[in-house]
């Protein structure tokens, strides 16, 4: 999608505003230190990482299951920081902050490219950039894997949007490589092929059954079965990553057995956690470093959460034709949380965690941004009023 001069200036201004906002909000982070929770495993107590980028370290990064994960790109990023800055925590925090800013800008540019709606895209990226639930991923050095993998996830979406505009092997390979790099940072991206299928429905509108005509959408429409087939190489990456993750956790002895945490309790906690994340998105209070996994879930919480999720899912599916962003945002939220919702557990697994919401909340932010605009149009609010309320 080409931008005219006015659009380019608008985008440059928005990029500058984002960078300034994020730096102002996160600036105190540069005065923080390492912490004892996992930072010694990833940086301060890891001799391979502290040595910087060495041949032995690079080989170790690609061959180790240390810290019950296989994420060589994450190890390399920490080694790179130590190579440049030693163990000065300010610069390690700055690296994570820089990646978060890049994620914010990429998210805006990707949504702008797919939807041609700069201000709605702006508000989605602003929520992502500044929401308190996302602070943990940025402020915790050991969670570098989260912000780094998210960078490649959003970059994959941007590359995929280019492919959707003009399908071709070179553009597809670019998206495939980007997803592979993201999985090398953290296996959280295993659901990305499903996200791309959702984006095919909206805002790319590539589904053959979509009501919008080709003249209204700049992306190539195609048969629904072809949309699935073209994702097979991406699904193959996800399958390989899942296998490696399971083997690494099993070999390190970090897989939590079904006897220790019964399947029913896992399902009950998962359903309640889905609602808990939404509640903390709306009212981010009582945030903590660790939320202990419960010994039991009260019945009223389980049945209440189940009812809320079923009703919400039914409503967004019912409204999919006139408000497709509802079903896309909702399924994005539900789907991208699956890898960390607690059905499969390793190590000291929490009931839920702020950092787990870093990617899934983007789906809910889509609903808020596009839904608010639709309500404003329906209720005939002025643009100035909507902008003030949004700010």
Protein backbone atom coordinates (compact mmCIF):
# COMPACT_ATOMS: atom_id res chain seq x y z
CA UNK A 1 0.00 0.00 0.00
CA UNK A 2 1.51 3.29 -1.07
CA UNK A 3 1.32 6.44 1.05
CA UNK A 4 1.07 9.94 -0.30
CA UNK A 5 3.18 12.76 1.11
CA UNK A 6 0.54 13.81 3.61
CA UNK A 7 0.13 10.26 4.89
CA UNK A 8 3.88 9.85 5.22
CA UNK A 9 4.16 13.01 7.33
CA UNK A 10 1.25 11.80 9.47
CA UNK A 11 2.95 8.47 10.07
CA UNK A 12 6.29 10.10 10.91
CA UNK A 13 4.51 12.33 13.46
CA UNK A 14 2.74 9.37 15.04
CA UNK A 15 6.00 7.40 15.24
CA UNK A 16 7.67 10.35 16.99
CA UNK A 17 4.77 10.67 19.46
CA UNK A 18 4.91 6.96 20.29
CA UNK A 19 8.64 7.01 20.90
CA UNK A 20 8.36 10.03 23.18
CA UNK A 21 5.40 8.63 25.14
CA UNK A 22 7.02 5.27 25.79
CA UNK A 23 10.34 6.83 26.83
CA UNK A 24 8.59 9.25 29.22
CA UNK A 25 6.56 6.46 30.86
CA UNK A 26 9.39 3.92 31.10
CA UNK A 27 12.28 6.29 31.79
CA UNK A 28 12.54 5.33 35.52
CA UNK A 29 13.28 1.77 34.39
CA UNK A 30 16.80 2.82 33.39
CA UNK A 31 17.64 3.34 37.06
CA UNK A 32 16.53 -0.15 38.10
CA UNK A 33 18.74 -3.14 38.91
CA UNK A 34 18.63 -6.83 38.14
CA UNK A 35 16.41 -8.92 40.40
CA UNK A 36 16.87 -12.36 41.95
CA UNK A 37 13.87 -13.86 40.12
CA UNK A 38 15.34 -15.64 37.03
CA UNK A 39 17.79 -12.84 36.18
CA UNK A 40 20.70 -14.94 37.56
CA UNK A 41 19.71 -17.81 35.22
CA UNK A 42 19.55 -15.54 32.18
CA UNK A 43 22.31 -12.99 32.84
CA UNK A 44 24.01 -12.29 36.15
CA UNK A 45 24.80 -15.89 37.12
CA UNK A 46 25.21 -17.36 33.64
CA UNK A 47 28.88 -17.65 32.68
CA UNK A 48 28.15 -18.24 28.99
CA UNK A 49 26.04 -15.08 28.80
CA UNK A 50 28.40 -12.93 30.87
CA UNK A 51 31.27 -13.83 28.52
CA UNK A 52 29.48 -12.06 25.66
CA UNK A 53 29.34 -13.34 22.09
CA UNK A 54 31.84 -16.17 21.99
CA UNK A 55 31.95 -19.27 19.81
CA UNK A 56 31.41 -21.51 22.85
CA UNK A 57 28.49 -19.35 23.92
CA UNK A 58 26.83 -19.42 20.51
CA UNK A 59 27.16 -23.22 20.33
CA UNK A 60 25.76 -23.48 23.87
CA UNK A 61 22.81 -21.24 22.97
CA UNK A 62 21.74 -23.54 20.14
CA UNK A 63 22.31 -26.81 21.99
CA UNK A 64 21.14 -26.17 25.56
CA UNK A 65 17.76 -26.70 27.22
CA UNK A 66 18.92 -24.61 30.17
CA UNK A 67 16.07 -22.88 31.98
CA UNK A 68 13.74 -25.58 30.51
CA UNK A 69 13.42 -23.82 27.16
CA UNK A 70 15.09 -23.84 23.77
CA UNK A 71 15.33 -20.20 22.75
CA UNK A 72 18.78 -19.60 21.26
CA UNK A 73 17.95 -16.15 19.91
CA UNK A 74 17.07 -14.97 23.40
CA UNK A 75 20.41 -16.20 24.73
CA UNK A 76 22.22 -14.42 21.89
CA UNK A 77 20.44 -11.14 22.68
CA UNK A 78 21.58 -11.32 26.31
CA UNK A 79 25.11 -12.21 25.19
CA UNK A 80 25.09 -9.23 22.84
CA UNK A 81 24.15 -6.91 25.71
CA UNK A 82 26.93 -8.32 27.89
CA UNK A 83 29.38 -7.97 25.01
CA UNK A 84 28.57 -4.27 24.70
CA UNK A 85 27.62 -3.22 28.25
CA UNK A 86 28.90 -5.87 30.65
CA UNK A 87 26.58 -6.24 33.64
CA UNK A 88 25.38 -2.64 33.75
CA UNK A 89 21.63 -3.17 34.35
CA UNK A 90 20.61 0.18 32.88
CA UNK A 91 21.68 -0.85 29.38
CA UNK A 92 20.04 -4.27 29.65
CA UNK A 93 16.79 -2.53 30.59
CA UNK A 94 17.31 -0.07 27.75
CA UNK A 95 17.59 -2.94 25.25
CA UNK A 96 14.24 -4.37 26.37
CA UNK A 97 12.70 -0.89 26.28
CA UNK A 98 14.06 -0.30 22.77
CA UNK A 99 12.50 -3.56 21.57
CA UNK A 100 9.17 -2.59 23.18
CA UNK A 101 9.23 0.74 21.33
CA UNK A 102 9.99 -1.13 18.10
CA UNK A 103 7.07 -3.49 18.82
CA UNK A 104 4.75 -0.53 19.31
CA UNK A 105 5.80 1.15 16.08
CA UNK A 106 5.61 -2.10 14.12
CA UNK A 107 2.15 -2.82 15.50
CA UNK A 108 0.95 0.60 14.37
CA UNK A 109 2.51 0.24 10.92
CA UNK A 110 1.17 -3.29 10.45
CA UNK A 111 -2.38 -2.33 11.43
CA UNK A 112 -2.14 0.85 9.33
CA UNK A 113 -1.04 -1.17 6.33
CA UNK A 114 -3.81 -3.75 6.70
CA UNK A 115 -6.70 -1.47 7.64
CA UNK A 116 -5.82 1.96 6.19
CA UNK A 117 -7.16 3.36 9.48
CA UNK A 118 -4.27 5.32 11.05
CA UNK A 119 -6.04 6.67 14.13
CA UNK A 120 -7.67 3.40 15.13
CA UNK A 121 -4.29 1.74 14.63
CA UNK A 122 -2.77 4.51 16.74
CA UNK A 123 -5.02 3.78 19.71
CA UNK A 124 -4.39 0.02 19.54
CA UNK A 125 -0.64 0.65 19.56
CA UNK A 126 -1.01 3.25 22.34
CA UNK A 127 -2.88 0.79 24.56
CA UNK A 128 -0.19 -1.79 23.85
CA UNK A 129 2.64 0.66 24.54
CA UNK A 130 1.38 2.06 27.84
CA UNK A 131 -0.91 -0.48 29.50
CA UNK A 132 0.30 -1.46 33.00
CA UNK A 133 -0.12 -5.20 32.31
CA UNK A 134 2.71 -4.94 29.77
CA UNK A 135 5.18 -3.39 32.19
CA UNK A 136 6.43 -6.76 33.49
CA UNK A 137 7.55 -7.93 30.06
CA UNK A 138 9.54 -4.74 29.51
CA UNK A 139 10.91 -4.19 33.03
CA UNK A 140 12.01 -7.76 33.75
CA UNK A 141 15.33 -8.50 32.06
CA UNK A 142 14.71 -12.26 32.18
CA UNK A 143 11.55 -11.77 30.11
CA UNK A 144 13.53 -10.44 27.14
CA UNK A 145 12.26 -13.54 25.29
CA UNK A 146 8.73 -12.12 25.39
CA UNK A 147 9.40 -8.71 23.87
CA UNK A 148 11.88 -10.18 21.38
CA UNK A 149 9.54 -12.91 20.11
CA UNK A 150 6.72 -10.36 19.88
CA UNK A 151 8.89 -8.19 17.64
CA UNK A 152 9.22 -11.03 15.15
CA UNK A 153 5.53 -11.90 15.47
CA UNK A 154 4.43 -8.39 14.52
CA UNK A 155 7.11 -8.17 11.85
CA UNK A 156 5.77 -11.45 10.42
CA UNK A 157 2.28 -9.94 10.30
CA UNK A 158 3.64 -6.86 8.48
CA UNK A 159 5.47 -9.06 5.97
CA UNK A 160 2.39 -11.21 5.54
CA UNK A 161 0.34 -8.09 4.76
CA UNK A 162 2.82 -7.31 1.98
CA UNK A 163 2.41 -10.87 0.72
CA UNK A 164 -1.38 -10.49 0.81
CA UNK A 165 -1.14 -7.38 -1.33
CA UNK A 166 0.89 -9.17 -3.98
CA UNK A 167 1.40 -12.91 -3.30
CA UNK A 168 4.81 -14.25 -4.24
CA UNK A 169 7.36 -16.79 -3.07
CA UNK A 170 9.97 -14.25 -1.96
CA UNK A 171 7.50 -12.34 0.21
CA UNK A 172 6.17 -15.57 1.71
CA UNK A 173 9.67 -16.80 2.54
CA UNK A 174 10.34 -13.50 4.31
CA UNK A 175 7.32 -14.03 6.57
CA UNK A 176 8.34 -17.67 7.15
CA UNK A 177 11.87 -16.69 8.20
CA UNK A 178 10.54 -13.99 10.51
CA UNK A 179 8.24 -16.47 12.26
CA UNK A 180 11.11 -18.95 12.59
CA UNK A 181 13.25 -16.27 14.27
CA UNK A 182 10.38 -15.49 16.63
CA UNK A 183 10.12 -19.15 17.64
CA UNK A 184 13.88 -19.14 18.26
CA UNK A 185 13.22 -16.39 20.81
CA UNK A 186 10.19 -18.01 22.50
CA UNK A 187 7.76 -20.77 21.46
CA UNK A 188 4.81 -18.50 22.33
CA UNK A 189 4.41 -17.87 18.59
CA UNK A 190 3.08 -21.36 17.83
CA UNK A 191 -0.41 -19.89 17.37
CA UNK A 192 0.73 -17.33 14.78
CA UNK A 193 -0.60 -19.27 11.73
CA UNK A 194 -4.07 -19.16 13.31
CA UNK A 195 -3.66 -15.40 13.88
CA UNK A 196 -2.84 -14.95 10.19
CA UNK A 197 -6.01 -16.87 9.26
CA UNK A 198 -7.98 -14.48 11.46
CA UNK A 199 -6.34 -11.50 9.77
CA UNK A 200 -7.23 -13.05 6.40
CA UNK A 201 -10.86 -12.68 7.48
CA UNK A 202 -10.37 -9.10 8.73
CA UNK A 203 -8.85 -6.62 8.02
CA UNK A 204 -7.24 -8.28 4.97
CA UNK A 205 -10.65 -9.62 3.84
CA UNK A 206 -9.05 -12.41 1.79
CA UNK A 207 -11.78 -14.94 2.56
CA UNK A 208 -13.78 -15.72 -0.55
CA UNK A 209 -16.99 -15.60 1.49
CA UNK A 210 -16.30 -12.08 2.78
CA UNK A 211 -18.96 -9.55 1.84
CA UNK A 212 -16.53 -6.80 0.82
CA UNK A 213 -15.77 -6.60 -2.89
CA UNK A 214 -12.26 -6.66 -4.30
CA UNK A 215 -12.53 -2.96 -5.22
CA UNK A 216 -13.00 -2.11 -1.53
CA UNK A 217 -10.03 -4.18 -0.38
CA UNK A 218 -6.49 -3.92 -1.82
CA UNK A 219 -5.60 -7.51 -0.88
CA UNK A 220 -5.88 -10.61 -3.03
CA UNK A 221 -9.01 -12.67 -2.33
CA UNK A 222 -8.66 -16.44 -2.58
CA UNK A 223 -10.48 -19.64 -1.72
CA UNK A 224 -10.72 -20.42 1.98
CA UNK A 225 -9.10 -23.84 1.56
CA UNK A 226 -6.13 -22.19 -0.18
CA UNK A 227 -5.72 -19.84 2.78
CA UNK A 228 -5.25 -22.87 5.01
CA UNK A 229 -2.96 -24.68 2.56
CA UNK A 230 -0.65 -21.68 2.21
CA UNK A 231 -0.15 -21.73 6.02
CA UNK A 232 1.13 -25.34 6.05
CA UNK A 233 4.84 -24.32 6.11
CA UNK A 234 4.02 -22.03 9.05
CA UNK A 235 2.09 -24.78 10.84
CA UNK A 236 5.13 -27.00 10.33
CA UNK A 237 7.26 -24.45 12.20
CA UNK A 238 4.73 -24.44 15.04
CA UNK A 239 4.69 -28.24 15.23
CA UNK A 240 8.50 -28.41 15.32
CA UNK A 241 8.64 -25.78 18.06
CA UNK A 242 6.04 -27.61 20.15
CA UNK A 243 7.99 -30.86 19.87
CA UNK A 244 11.26 -29.20 20.88
CA UNK A 245 9.58 -27.40 23.80
CA UNK A 246 8.06 -30.62 25.11
CA UNK A 247 11.34 -32.54 24.79
CA UNK A 248 13.30 -29.79 26.53
CA UNK A 249 10.86 -29.60 29.45
CA UNK A 250 10.64 -33.39 29.77
CA UNK A 251 14.40 -33.93 29.66
CA UNK A 252 14.98 -31.23 32.25
CA UNK A 253 12.28 -32.74 34.48
CA UNK A 254 10.17 -29.58 34.56
CA UNK A 255 6.92 -30.99 33.18
CA UNK A 256 4.23 -30.85 35.88
CA UNK A 257 2.45 -34.21 36.03
CA UNK A 258 -1.31 -34.62 35.81
CA UNK A 259 -1.23 -36.16 39.29
CA UNK A 260 0.30 -33.01 40.77
CA UNK A 261 -2.19 -30.71 39.03
CA UNK A 262 -5.29 -32.61 37.81
CA UNK A 263 -6.68 -31.82 34.32
CA UNK A 264 -9.99 -30.53 35.71
CA UNK A 265 -8.22 -28.02 37.96
CA UNK A 266 -6.14 -26.85 35.00
CA UNK A 267 -9.27 -26.29 32.92
CA UNK A 268 -11.05 -24.49 35.75
CA UNK A 269 -8.09 -22.18 36.37
CA UNK A 270 -7.71 -21.54 32.62
CA UNK A 271 -11.31 -20.40 32.21
CA UNK A 272 -11.14 -18.17 35.28
CA UNK A 273 -7.81 -16.75 34.09
CA UNK A 274 -9.32 -15.74 30.74
CA UNK A 275 -11.79 -13.53 32.63
CA UNK A 276 -9.14 -12.36 35.12
CA UNK A 277 -6.96 -10.96 32.33
CA UNK A 278 -9.93 -8.99 30.98
CA UNK A 279 -10.67 -7.63 34.46
CA UNK A 280 -7.05 -6.54 34.91
CA UNK A 281 -7.04 -4.96 31.48
CA UNK A 282 -10.04 -2.82 32.46
CA UNK A 283 -8.86 -2.16 36.02
CA UNK A 284 -5.15 -2.95 36.38
CA UNK A 285 -4.98 -3.10 40.17
CA UNK A 286 -3.40 -5.64 42.48
CA UNK A 287 -0.68 -6.50 39.95
CA UNK A 288 2.00 -8.84 41.29
CA UNK A 289 5.21 -10.57 40.25
CA UNK A 290 3.71 -14.00 40.91
CA UNK A 291 0.12 -15.26 41.27
CA UNK A 292 0.21 -18.71 42.97
CA UNK A 293 -1.64 -21.55 41.29
CA UNK A 294 -4.75 -22.36 43.34
CA UNK A 295 -5.32 -25.65 45.16
CA UNK A 296 -8.98 -25.38 44.16
CA UNK A 297 -11.20 -23.03 42.13
CA UNK A 298 -14.52 -21.96 43.69
CA UNK A 299 -17.47 -23.32 41.72
CA UNK A 300 -19.07 -19.90 41.31
CA UNK A 301 -15.90 -18.57 39.66
CA UNK A 302 -15.66 -21.53 37.30
CA UNK A 303 -19.31 -21.45 36.21
CA UNK A 304 -19.37 -17.65 36.07
CA UNK A 305 -16.26 -17.50 33.87
CA UNK A 306 -17.60 -20.27 31.62
CA UNK A 307 -20.87 -18.41 31.15
CA UNK A 308 -19.12 -15.12 30.37
CA UNK A 309 -16.81 -16.73 27.80
CA UNK A 310 -19.64 -18.65 26.08
CA UNK A 311 -21.89 -15.58 25.88
CA UNK A 312 -19.08 -13.35 24.61
CA UNK A 313 -18.10 -15.90 21.97
CA UNK A 314 -21.70 -16.28 20.80
CA UNK A 315 -22.14 -12.50 20.58
CA UNK A 316 -19.01 -11.84 18.52
CA UNK A 317 -19.85 -14.66 16.10
CA UNK A 318 -23.40 -13.34 15.75
CA UNK A 319 -22.06 -9.83 14.95
CA UNK A 320 -19.23 -10.98 12.65
CA UNK A 321 -20.70 -9.58 9.42
CA UNK A 322 -21.34 -6.02 10.57
CA UNK A 323 -18.41 -5.85 13.03
CA UNK A 324 -15.76 -8.39 11.94
CA UNK A 325 -13.16 -6.90 14.28
CA UNK A 326 -15.15 -8.36 17.22
CA UNK A 327 -14.66 -11.99 16.25
CA UNK A 328 -11.07 -11.43 15.11
CA UNK A 329 -10.05 -9.58 18.29
CA UNK A 330 -11.84 -12.04 20.56
CA UNK A 331 -10.42 -15.17 18.91
CA UNK A 332 -6.96 -13.52 18.83
CA UNK A 333 -7.25 -13.09 22.60
CA UNK A 334 -8.52 -16.61 23.28
CA UNK A 335 -6.15 -18.33 20.86
CA UNK A 336 -2.85 -16.64 21.64
CA UNK A 337 -3.33 -17.32 25.37
CA UNK A 338 -3.60 -21.08 24.81
CA UNK A 339 0.17 -21.81 25.05
CA UNK A 340 0.39 -20.12 28.47
CA UNK A 341 -3.09 -20.63 29.90
CA UNK A 342 -1.89 -23.52 32.08
CA UNK A 343 -3.21 -26.63 30.34
CA UNK A 344 0.41 -27.68 29.84
CA UNK A 345 2.63 -26.74 32.79
CA UNK A 346 6.32 -26.70 33.52
CA UNK A 347 8.26 -25.61 36.57
CA UNK A 348 6.63 -23.37 39.17
CA UNK A 349 3.60 -22.46 37.05
CA UNK A 350 1.49 -19.46 38.13
CA UNK A 351 -2.30 -19.16 38.04
CA UNK A 352 -1.73 -16.43 35.45
CA UNK A 353 0.93 -13.78 34.82
CA UNK A 354 1.00 -10.21 33.54
CA UNK A 355 3.65 -11.12 30.98
CA UNK A 356 1.43 -13.79 29.44
CA UNK A 357 -0.99 -11.06 28.30
CA UNK A 358 1.60 -9.13 26.25
CA UNK A 359 0.46 -10.57 22.90
CA UNK A 360 -3.16 -11.64 23.66
CA UNK A 361 -4.29 -8.19 24.82
CA UNK A 362 -3.69 -6.84 21.32
CA UNK A 363 -6.88 -8.64 20.28
CA UNK A 364 -8.91 -6.88 22.97
CA UNK A 365 -7.29 -3.54 22.11
CA UNK A 366 -8.53 -4.05 18.52
CA UNK A 367 -12.06 -4.46 19.83
CA UNK A 368 -11.79 -1.35 22.02
CA UNK A 369 -10.35 0.90 19.29
CA UNK A 370 -12.63 -0.13 16.43
CA UNK A 371 -15.66 -0.63 18.67
CA UNK A 372 -15.33 2.82 20.24
CA UNK A 373 -15.23 4.39 16.79
CA UNK A 374 -18.37 2.54 15.69
CA UNK A 375 -20.20 3.59 18.86
CA UNK A 376 -19.07 7.19 18.38
CA UNK A 377 -20.43 7.19 14.82
CA UNK A 378 -23.71 5.60 15.90
CA UNK A 379 -24.17 8.05 18.77
CA UNK A 380 -22.94 10.96 16.60
CA UNK A 381 -20.15 12.11 18.87
CA UNK A 382 -17.77 14.70 17.44
CA UNK A 383 -14.24 13.71 16.47
CA UNK A 384 -12.85 16.12 19.05
CA UNK A 385 -14.86 14.48 21.84
CA UNK A 386 -13.78 10.99 20.79
CA UNK A 387 -10.14 12.09 20.66
CA UNK A 388 -10.27 13.63 24.16
CA UNK A 389 -11.94 10.55 25.65
CA UNK A 390 -9.45 8.29 23.87
CA UNK A 391 -6.52 10.27 25.25
